Amino acid sequence: MQNVIIVGASTGIGRALALDFARAGFAVGITARREELLQALALEINTQGGKAYIQAMDIAQTYDAVRLLEELLERMNGADIIVVNAAIGENSQTLDWHKAEATIAVNVTGFAAIANAAMQHFLNRRKGHLVGISSLAGERGNRIAPAYAASKAFVSNYLQGLRNYAVKNDANITVTDIKPGFVKTPMTAKNDRMFWAASAEKAARQIFMAIHHKRHHAYITKRWRVVAFVLRSIPDWLYNRIV
C-alpha cells in the first residue's frame, strides 16, 4: 500500500482527491485547519474500507505546521506522494492589505514551508512525488485579486525551482504543478464571474490522473491550457482593456 498526504483536504478539490486516492488503495493522510471536517472525511474513507490518518494544522503557522507534518509522516512511516493544496483567496479590488497579508501567509509562506519539508522528506528517501496546486490565475496579474494571482505565480515558480533541484541532485523525485481554472468549491462560491466551472470531483479525477502519469504540469480541466496560452501571449494594452 502506498501512502499519500493531502495538505488542505477538508473541502473542495482536496477532499475529493483524498477520496479518489483512498478508492485507488492508498493510505491517505489528510490535513486542514478544521478537525471536525477531517474527522468526517476520515470516517467516510474508513467506512469504505480505506485507511485515513488525520492531522489538524494551519500552514500559516509555518513552524508548527512543519512539525505536525513530520509527526504525520512518522505515524504513516513516510509518504510516497505529498499534495500541497491548502490555500485561501479573496477578491480585493480595494487593495485591502489585511486580505493580501493573509493570502501571502498561507499561499506563499505556508506553501513554501510545507513544500520544502516535503522535499526534505523525499530527498532523504531519494524518491517521491511532490504536487502543488497553483492556479490559472498565476499566469498573469489581475486587479480583482492581485495578491492571490501573485501567490499562485510564486507556487509555480517555486515548484519549478524544486524540480530543477531534484534533477541536479539525481533524486528520483517528480514535481507536479497543477493549474486549475474555475472549480466549484466553497472558496469560489461567491465568484459570479466563473465559466467552464468544473465540479470538485471532476477536477480531482483529472488531477489524480496527472499525478498517476507523473506529469510536470497539468491544466484542470484540460481546456484551460488554451486560455493560459492566450493570457501569456496577448500584449499588456489589450490585457488591460479586457480583464
C-alpha atoms as a PDB file:
ATOM      1  CA  MET A   1       0.000   0.000   0.000  1.00  0.00           C
ATOM      2  CA  GLN A   2       1.337   3.403  -0.986  1.00  0.00           C
ATOM      3  CA  ASN A   3       0.904   6.476   1.204  1.00  0.00           C
ATOM      4  CA  VAL A   4      -0.286   9.920   0.155  1.00  0.00           C
ATOM      5  CA  ILE A   5      -0.683  13.071   2.239  1.00  0.00           C
ATOM      6  CA  ILE A   6      -3.026  15.834   1.135  1.00  0.00           C
ATOM      7  CA  VAL A   7      -2.456  19.164   2.848  1.00  0.00           C
ATOM      8  CA  GLY A   8      -5.735  21.047   2.645  1.00  0.00           C
ATOM      9  CA  ALA A   9      -8.191  18.156   2.433  1.00  0.00           C
ATOM     10  CA  SER A  10     -11.254  19.322   4.356  1.00  0.00           C
ATOM     11  CA  THR A  11     -13.318  20.612   1.419  1.00  0.00           C
ATOM     12  CA  GLY A  12     -13.359  21.032  -2.349  1.00  0.00           C
ATOM     13  CA  ILE A  13     -10.607  19.597  -4.523  1.00  0.00           C
ATOM     14  CA  GLY A  14      -8.568  18.292  -1.585  1.00  0.00           C
ATOM     15  CA  ARG A  15     -11.472  16.336  -0.140  1.00  0.00           C
ATOM     16  CA  ALA A  16     -12.445  14.841  -3.496  1.00  0.00           C
ATOM     17  CA  LEU A  17      -8.826  13.937  -4.231  1.00  0.00           C
ATOM     18  CA  ALA A  18      -8.463  12.193  -0.863  1.00  0.00           C
ATOM     19  CA  LEU A  19     -11.459  10.023  -1.694  1.00  0.00           C
ATOM     20  CA  ASP A  20     -10.035   9.195  -5.137  1.00  0.00           C
ATOM     21  CA  PHE A  21      -6.717   8.116  -3.626  1.00  0.00           C
ATOM     22  CA  ALA A  22      -8.496   6.038  -0.978  1.00  0.00           C
ATOM     23  CA  ARG A  23     -10.545   4.259  -3.652  1.00  0.00           C
ATOM     24  CA  ALA A  24      -7.301   3.527  -5.509  1.00  0.00           C
ATOM     25  CA  GLY A  25      -5.944   1.702  -2.452  1.00  0.00           C
ATOM     26  CA  PHE A  26      -3.724   4.381  -0.927  1.00  0.00           C
ATOM     27  CA  ALA A  27      -3.433   5.049   2.776  1.00  0.00           C
ATOM     28  CA  VAL A  28      -4.367   8.721   2.986  1.00  0.00           C
ATOM     29  CA  GLY A  29      -3.062  11.360   5.379  1.00  0.00           C
ATOM     30  CA  ILE A  30      -5.378  14.367   5.473  1.00  0.00           C
ATOM     31  CA  THR A  31      -4.678  17.766   6.996  1.00  0.00           C
ATOM     32  CA  ALA A  32      -6.573  21.038   7.345  1.00  0.00           C
ATOM     33  CA  ARG A  33      -7.401  23.636   9.984  1.00  0.00           C
ATOM     34  CA  ARG A  34     -10.855  22.264  10.846  1.00  0.00           C
ATOM     35  CA  GLU A  35     -10.501  18.955  12.622  1.00  0.00           C
ATOM     36  CA  GLU A  36     -14.229  18.197  12.604  1.00  0.00           C
ATOM     37  CA  LEU A  37     -14.238  18.157   8.796  1.00  0.00           C
ATOM     38  CA  LEU A  38     -11.182  15.892   8.785  1.00  0.00           C
ATOM     39  CA  GLN A  39     -12.925  13.516  11.185  1.00  0.00           C
ATOM     40  CA  ALA A  40     -15.950  13.331   8.880  1.00  0.00           C
ATOM     41  CA  LEU A  41     -13.768  12.649   5.839  1.00  0.00           C
ATOM     42  CA  ALA A  42     -11.730  10.025   7.692  1.00  0.00           C
ATOM     43  CA  LEU A  43     -14.944   8.274   8.718  1.00  0.00           C
ATOM     44  CA  GLU A  44     -16.088   8.202   5.091  1.00  0.00           C
ATOM     45  CA  ILE A  45     -12.750   6.785   3.931  1.00  0.00           C
ATOM     46  CA  ASN A  46     -12.618   4.187   6.687  1.00  0.00           C
ATOM     47  CA  THR A  47     -16.217   3.010   6.190  1.00  0.00           C
ATOM     48  CA  GLN A  48     -15.391   2.412   2.518  1.00  0.00           C
ATOM     49  CA  GLY A  49     -12.550   0.116   3.528  1.00  0.00           C
ATOM     50  CA  GLY A  50      -9.759   2.653   3.262  1.00  0.00           C
ATOM     51  CA  LYS A  51      -7.256   3.891   5.827  1.00  0.00           C
ATOM     52  CA  ALA A  52      -7.069   7.543   6.834  1.00  0.00           C
ATOM     53  CA  TYR A  53      -4.749   9.465   9.135  1.00  0.00           C
ATOM     54  CA  ILE A  54      -5.737  12.937  10.258  1.00  0.00           C
ATOM     55  CA  GLN A  55      -3.664  15.897  11.400  1.00  0.00           C
ATOM     56  CA  ALA A  56      -5.151  19.305  12.094  1.00  0.00           C
ATOM     57  CA  MET A  57      -2.776  22.122  11.140  1.00  0.00           C
ATOM     58  CA  ASP A  58      -2.724  25.703   9.934  1.00  0.00           C
ATOM     59  CA  ILE A  59       0.043  26.143   7.372  1.00  0.00           C
ATOM     60  CA  ALA A  60       0.156  29.879   8.076  1.00  0.00           C
ATOM     61  CA  GLN A  61       1.778  28.833  11.376  1.00  0.00           C
ATOM     62  CA  THR A  62       4.764  27.528   9.477  1.00  0.00           C
ATOM     63  CA  TYR A  63       6.975  26.063  12.193  1.00  0.00           C
ATOM     64  CA  ASP A  64       4.089  24.304  13.912  1.00  0.00           C
ATOM     65  CA  ALA A  65       2.789  23.055  10.556  1.00  0.00           C
ATOM     66  CA  VAL A  66       6.145  21.587   9.544  1.00  0.00           C
ATOM     67  CA  ARG A  67       6.485  19.867  12.917  1.00  0.00           C
ATOM     68  CA  LEU A  68       2.968  18.423  12.626  1.00  0.00           C
ATOM     69  CA  LEU A  69       3.648  17.240   9.068  1.00  0.00           C
ATOM     70  CA  GLU A  70       6.769  15.471  10.271  1.00  0.00           C
ATOM     71  CA  GLU A  71       4.750  13.807  13.038  1.00  0.00           C
ATOM     72  CA  LEU A  72       2.176  12.646  10.483  1.00  0.00           C
ATOM     73  CA  LEU A  73       4.940  11.278   8.252  1.00  0.00           C
ATOM     74  CA  GLU A  74       6.314   9.345  11.214  1.00  0.00           C
ATOM     75  CA  ARG A  75       2.890   7.868  12.027  1.00  0.00           C
ATOM     76  CA  MET A  76       2.451   6.813   8.401  1.00  0.00           C
ATOM     77  CA  ASN A  77       6.021   5.506   8.030  1.00  0.00           C
ATOM     78  CA  GLY A  78       6.616   8.055   5.301  1.00  0.00           C
ATOM     79  CA  ALA A  79       4.750   9.155   2.202  1.00  0.00           C
ATOM     80  CA  ASP A  80       5.164   8.412  -1.485  1.00  0.00           C
ATOM     81  CA  ILE A  81       3.166  11.467  -2.596  1.00  0.00           C
ATOM     82  CA  ILE A  82       2.517  14.787  -0.859  1.00  0.00           C
ATOM     83  CA  VAL A  83      -0.069  17.157  -2.325  1.00  0.00           C
ATOM     84  CA  VAL A  84       0.007  20.765  -1.099  1.00  0.00           C
ATOM     85  CA  ASN A  85      -3.489  22.031  -1.791  1.00  0.00           C
ATOM     86  CA  ALA A  86      -4.163  24.366   1.144  1.00  0.00           C
ATOM     87  CA  ALA A  87      -4.841  27.927   0.018  1.00  0.00           C
ATOM     88  CA  ILE A  88      -7.062  30.911   0.562  1.00  0.00           C
ATOM     89  CA  GLY A  89      -8.185  33.629  -1.800  1.00  0.00           C
ATOM     90  CA  GLU A  90     -10.499  36.604  -1.771  1.00  0.00           C
ATOM     91  CA  ASN A  91     -11.294  39.334  -4.224  1.00  0.00           C
ATOM     92  CA  SER A  92      -9.653  42.568  -3.109  1.00  0.00           C
ATOM     93  CA  GLN A  93     -10.388  45.325  -5.580  1.00  0.00           C
ATOM     94  CA  THR A  94      -9.915  47.865  -2.772  1.00  0.00           C
ATOM     95  CA  LEU A  95      -6.362  46.572  -2.178  1.00  0.00           C
ATOM     96  CA  ASP A  96      -7.200  45.571   1.386  1.00  0.00           C
ATOM     97  CA  TRP A  97      -3.807  44.787   2.939  1.00  0.00           C
ATOM     98  CA  HIS A  98      -5.255  42.540   5.654  1.00  0.00           C
ATOM     99  CA  LYS A  99      -6.661  40.224   2.974  1.00  0.00           C
ATOM    100  CA  ALA A 100      -3.432  40.357   0.995  1.00  0.00           C
ATOM    101  CA  GLU A 101      -1.318  39.637   4.055  1.00  0.00           C
ATOM    102  CA  ALA A 102      -3.443  36.614   4.979  1.00  0.00           C
ATOM    103  CA  THR A 103      -3.230  35.315   1.417  1.00  0.00           C
ATOM    104  CA  ILE A 104       0.553  35.640   1.373  1.00  0.00           C
ATOM    105  CA  ALA A 105       0.870  33.946   4.786  1.00  0.00           C
ATOM    106  CA  VAL A 106      -0.943  30.842   3.558  1.00  0.00           C
ATOM    107  CA  ASN A 107      -0.320  30.683  -0.200  1.00  0.00           C
ATOM    108  CA  VAL A 108       3.302  31.820  -0.215  1.00  0.00           C
ATOM    109  CA  THR A 109       5.000  31.374   3.165  1.00  0.00           C
ATOM    110  CA  GLY A 110       2.865  28.427   4.256  1.00  0.00           C
ATOM    111  CA  PHE A 111       3.087  26.708   0.889  1.00  0.00           C
ATOM    112  CA  ALA A 112       6.858  27.119   0.696  1.00  0.00           C
ATOM    113  CA  ALA A 113       7.371  25.786   4.222  1.00  0.00           C
ATOM    114  CA  ILE A 114       5.328  22.636   3.570  1.00  0.00           C
ATOM    115  CA  ALA A 115       6.761  22.070   0.089  1.00  0.00           C
ATOM    116  CA  ASN A 116      10.271  22.447   1.491  1.00  0.00           C
ATOM    117  CA  ALA A 117       9.556  19.935   4.266  1.00  0.00           C
ATOM    118  CA  ALA A 118       8.090  17.526   1.706  1.00  0.00           C
ATOM    119  CA  MET A 119      11.189  17.809  -0.466  1.00  0.00           C
ATOM    120  CA  GLN A 120      13.457  17.196   2.523  1.00  0.00           C
ATOM    121  CA  HIS A 121      11.485  14.022   3.231  1.00  0.00           C
ATOM    122  CA  PHE A 122      11.777  12.836  -0.371  1.00  0.00           C
ATOM    123  CA  LEU A 123      15.461  13.725  -0.609  1.00  0.00           C
ATOM    124  CA  ASN A 124      16.118  11.587   2.456  1.00  0.00           C
ATOM    125  CA  ARG A 125      14.288   8.702   0.743  1.00  0.00           C
ATOM    126  CA  ARG A 126      15.831   9.530  -2.670  1.00  0.00           C
ATOM    127  CA  LYS A 127      12.371   9.265  -4.242  1.00  0.00           C
ATOM    128  CA  GLY A 128       8.893  10.715  -4.038  1.00  0.00           C
ATOM    129  CA  HIS A 129       6.318  12.903  -5.726  1.00  0.00           C
ATOM    130  CA  LEU A 130       5.520  16.471  -4.708  1.00  0.00           C
ATOM    131  CA  VAL A 131       2.335  18.029  -6.083  1.00  0.00           C
ATOM    132  CA  GLY A 132       1.454  21.700  -5.720  1.00  0.00           C
ATOM    133  CA  ILE A 133      -1.892  23.229  -6.617  1.00  0.00           C
ATOM    134  CA  SER A 134      -1.255  26.597  -8.212  1.00  0.00           C
ATOM    135  CA  SER A 135      -3.841  28.209 -10.497  1.00  0.00           C
ATOM    136  CA  LEU A 136      -4.513  29.589 -13.926  1.00  0.00           C
ATOM    137  CA  ALA A 137      -4.683  32.920 -12.068  1.00  0.00           C
ATOM    138  CA  GLY A 138      -0.931  32.729 -11.644  1.00  0.00           C
ATOM    139  CA  GLU A 139      -0.350  33.133 -15.371  1.00  0.00           C
ATOM    140  CA  ARG A 140      -0.772  36.908 -15.125  1.00  0.00           C
ATOM    141  CA  GLY A 141      -1.560  39.559 -12.519  1.00  0.00           C
ATOM    142  CA  ASN A 142      -5.095  40.896 -12.225  1.00  0.00           C
ATOM    143  CA  ARG A 143      -6.898  43.751 -10.478  1.00  0.00           C
ATOM    144  CA  ILE A 144      -9.606  41.587  -8.908  1.00  0.00           C
ATOM    145  CA  ALA A 145      -7.338  39.531  -6.647  1.00  0.00           C
ATOM    146  CA  PRO A 146      -3.768  40.774  -7.096  1.00  0.00           C
ATOM    147  CA  ALA A 147      -2.319  39.026  -4.028  1.00  0.00           C
ATOM    148  CA  TYR A 148      -3.965  35.705  -4.931  1.00  0.00           C
ATOM    149  CA  ALA A 149      -2.721  35.793  -8.531  1.00  0.00           C
ATOM    150  CA  ALA A 150       0.794  36.709  -7.409  1.00  0.00           C
ATOM    151  CA  SER A 151       0.793  33.978  -4.766  1.00  0.00           C
ATOM    152  CA  LYS A 152      -0.080  31.335  -7.353  1.00  0.00           C
ATOM    153  CA  ALA A 153       2.672  32.580  -9.660  1.00  0.00           C
ATOM    154  CA  PHE A 154       5.023  32.066  -6.715  1.00  0.00           C
ATOM    155  CA  VAL A 155       3.769  28.487  -6.277  1.00  0.00           C
ATOM    156  CA  SER A 156       4.536  27.617  -9.910  1.00  0.00           C
ATOM    157  CA  ASN A 157       7.955  29.259  -9.808  1.00  0.00           C
ATOM    158  CA  TYR A 158       8.888  27.597  -6.518  1.00  0.00           C
ATOM    159  CA  LEU A 159       7.833  24.189  -7.832  1.00  0.00           C
ATOM    160  CA  GLN A 160       9.972  24.704 -10.919  1.00  0.00           C
ATOM    161  CA  GLY A 161      12.927  25.501  -8.692  1.00  0.00           C
ATOM    162  CA  LEU A 162      12.384  22.357  -6.628  1.00  0.00           C
ATOM    163  CA  ARG A 163      12.071  20.264  -9.795  1.00  0.00           C
ATOM    164  CA  ASN A 164      15.377  21.658 -11.036  1.00  0.00           C
ATOM    165  CA  TYR A 165      16.957  20.958  -7.642  1.00  0.00           C
ATOM    166  CA  ALA A 166      15.829  17.320  -7.764  1.00  0.00           C
ATOM    167  CA  VAL A 167      17.219  16.849 -11.276  1.00  0.00           C
ATOM    168  CA  LYS A 168      20.584  18.384 -10.386  1.00  0.00           C
ATOM    169  CA  ASN A 169      20.828  16.125  -7.319  1.00  0.00           C
ATOM    170  CA  ASP A 170      19.941  12.956  -9.266  1.00  0.00           C
ATOM    171  CA  ALA A 171      16.964  12.343  -6.988  1.00  0.00           C
ATOM    172  CA  ASN A 172      14.058  10.274  -8.275  1.00  0.00           C
ATOM    173  CA  ILE A 173      11.543  12.962  -7.300  1.00  0.00           C
ATOM    174  CA  THR A 174       8.693  14.095  -9.524  1.00  0.00           C
ATOM    175  CA  VAL A 175       7.359  17.633  -9.035  1.00  0.00           C
ATOM    176  CA  THR A 176       3.937  18.372 -10.487  1.00  0.00           C
ATOM    177  CA  ASP A 177       2.354  21.796 -10.900  1.00  0.00           C
ATOM    178  CA  ILE A 178      -1.448  21.582 -11.130  1.00  0.00           C
ATOM    179  CA  LYS A 179      -3.112  24.700 -12.580  1.00  0.00           C
ATOM    180  CA  PRO A 180      -6.887  24.644 -12.173  1.00  0.00           C
ATOM    181  CA  GLY A 181      -9.186  27.067 -13.905  1.00  0.00           C
ATOM    182  CA  PHE A 182     -12.581  27.662 -12.317  1.00  0.00           C
ATOM    183  CA  VAL A 183     -13.685  24.866  -9.975  1.00  0.00           C
ATOM    184  CA  LYS A 184     -16.858  24.844  -7.879  1.00  0.00           C
ATOM    185  CA  THR A 185     -15.599  24.826  -4.290  1.00  0.00           C
ATOM    186  CA  PRO A 186     -16.520  26.663  -1.078  1.00  0.00           C
ATOM    187  CA  MET A 187     -13.654  29.105  -1.772  1.00  0.00           C
ATOM    188  CA  THR A 188     -15.147  30.110  -5.153  1.00  0.00           C
ATOM    189  CA  ALA A 189     -18.787  30.102  -4.092  1.00  0.00           C
ATOM    190  CA  LYS A 190     -19.026  33.914  -4.147  1.00  0.00           C
ATOM    191  CA  ASN A 191     -17.401  34.275  -7.557  1.00  0.00           C
ATOM    192  CA  ASP A 192     -20.070  35.363 -10.045  1.00  0.00           C
ATOM    193  CA  ARG A 193     -17.614  35.611 -12.966  1.00  0.00           C
ATOM    194  CA  MET A 194     -16.941  31.890 -13.361  1.00  0.00           C
ATOM    195  CA  PHE A 195     -17.375  30.000 -16.621  1.00  0.00           C
ATOM    196  CA  TRP A 196     -16.343  26.492 -17.675  1.00  0.00           C
ATOM    197  CA  ALA A 197     -16.506  25.693 -13.953  1.00  0.00           C
ATOM    198  CA  ALA A 198     -15.838  22.029 -13.173  1.00  0.00           C
ATOM    199  CA  SER A 199     -17.105  20.194 -10.139  1.00  0.00           C
ATOM    200  CA  ALA A 200     -14.516  19.419  -7.461  1.00  0.00           C
ATOM    201  CA  GLU A 201     -14.994  15.735  -8.247  1.00  0.00           C
ATOM    202  CA  LYS A 202     -14.238  16.157 -11.968  1.00  0.00           C
ATOM    203  CA  ALA A 203     -11.219  18.317 -11.192  1.00  0.00           C
ATOM    204  CA  ALA A 204      -9.936  15.776  -8.671  1.00  0.00           C
ATOM    205  CA  ARG A 205     -10.234  12.921 -11.168  1.00  0.00           C
ATOM    206  CA  GLN A 206      -8.128  14.803 -13.705  1.00  0.00           C
ATOM    207  CA  ILE A 207      -5.604  15.752 -11.020  1.00  0.00           C
ATOM    208  CA  PHE A 208      -5.395  12.121  -9.896  1.00  0.00           C
ATOM    209  CA  MET A 209      -4.620  11.029 -13.458  1.00  0.00           C
ATOM    210  CA  ALA A 210      -1.996  13.764 -13.879  1.00  0.00           C
ATOM    211  CA  ILE A 211      -0.314  12.548 -10.700  1.00  0.00           C
ATOM    212  CA  HIS A 212      -0.596   8.925 -11.816  1.00  0.00           C
ATOM    213  CA  HIS A 213       1.125   9.760 -15.104  1.00  0.00           C
ATOM    214  CA  LYS A 214       3.748  11.884 -13.299  1.00  0.00           C
ATOM    215  CA  ARG A 215       3.059  14.996 -15.335  1.00  0.00           C
ATOM    216  CA  HIS A 216       5.203  18.047 -14.628  1.00  0.00           C
ATOM    217  CA  HIS A 217       2.344  20.416 -15.490  1.00  0.00           C
ATOM    218  CA  ALA A 218      -1.405  19.955 -15.874  1.00  0.00           C
ATOM    219  CA  TYR A 219      -4.240  22.385 -16.516  1.00  0.00           C
ATOM    220  CA  ILE A 220      -7.523  21.404 -14.885  1.00  0.00           C
ATOM    221  CA  THR A 221      -9.733  20.991 -16.781  1.00  0.00           C
ATOM    222  CA  LYS A 222      -7.701  20.470 -19.916  1.00  0.00           C
ATOM    223  CA  ARG A 223      -9.425  23.194 -21.948  1.00  0.00           C
ATOM    224  CA  TRP A 224      -7.816  25.859 -19.751  1.00  0.00           C
ATOM    225  CA  ARG A 225      -4.483  25.238 -21.474  1.00  0.00           C
ATOM    226  CA  VAL A 226      -5.784  27.300 -24.406  1.00  0.00           C
ATOM    227  CA  VAL A 227      -6.823  30.157 -22.116  1.00  0.00           C
ATOM    228  CA  ALA A 228      -3.409  30.077 -20.442  1.00  0.00           C
ATOM    229  CA  PHE A 229      -1.697  30.393 -23.815  1.00  0.00           C
ATOM    230  CA  VAL A 230      -3.848  33.405 -24.709  1.00  0.00           C
ATOM    231  CA  LEU A 231      -3.229  35.049 -21.318  1.00  0.00           C
ATOM    232  CA  ARG A 232       0.526  34.713 -21.729  1.00  0.00           C
ATOM    233  CA  SER A 233       0.521  35.881 -25.346  1.00  0.00           C
ATOM    234  CA  ILE A 234      -1.629  38.995 -25.537  1.00  0.00           C
ATOM    235  CA  PRO A 235       0.099  42.379 -25.125  1.00  0.00           C
ATOM    236  CA  ASP A 236      -0.394  44.481 -21.997  1.00  0.00           C
ATOM    237  CA  TRP A 237      -2.503  47.143 -23.725  1.00  0.00           C
ATOM    238  CA  LEU A 238      -5.063  44.517 -24.789  1.00  0.00           C
ATOM    239  CA  TYR A 239      -4.929  42.604 -21.491  1.00  0.00           C
ATOM    240  CA  ASN A 240      -5.596  45.806 -19.549  1.00  0.00           C
ATOM    241  CA  ARG A 241      -8.658  46.546 -21.676  1.00  0.00           C
ATOM    242  CA  ILE A 242     -10.345  43.150 -21.405  1.00  0.00           C
ATOM    243  CA  VAL A 243      -9.541  41.975 -17.858  1.00  0.00           C
END
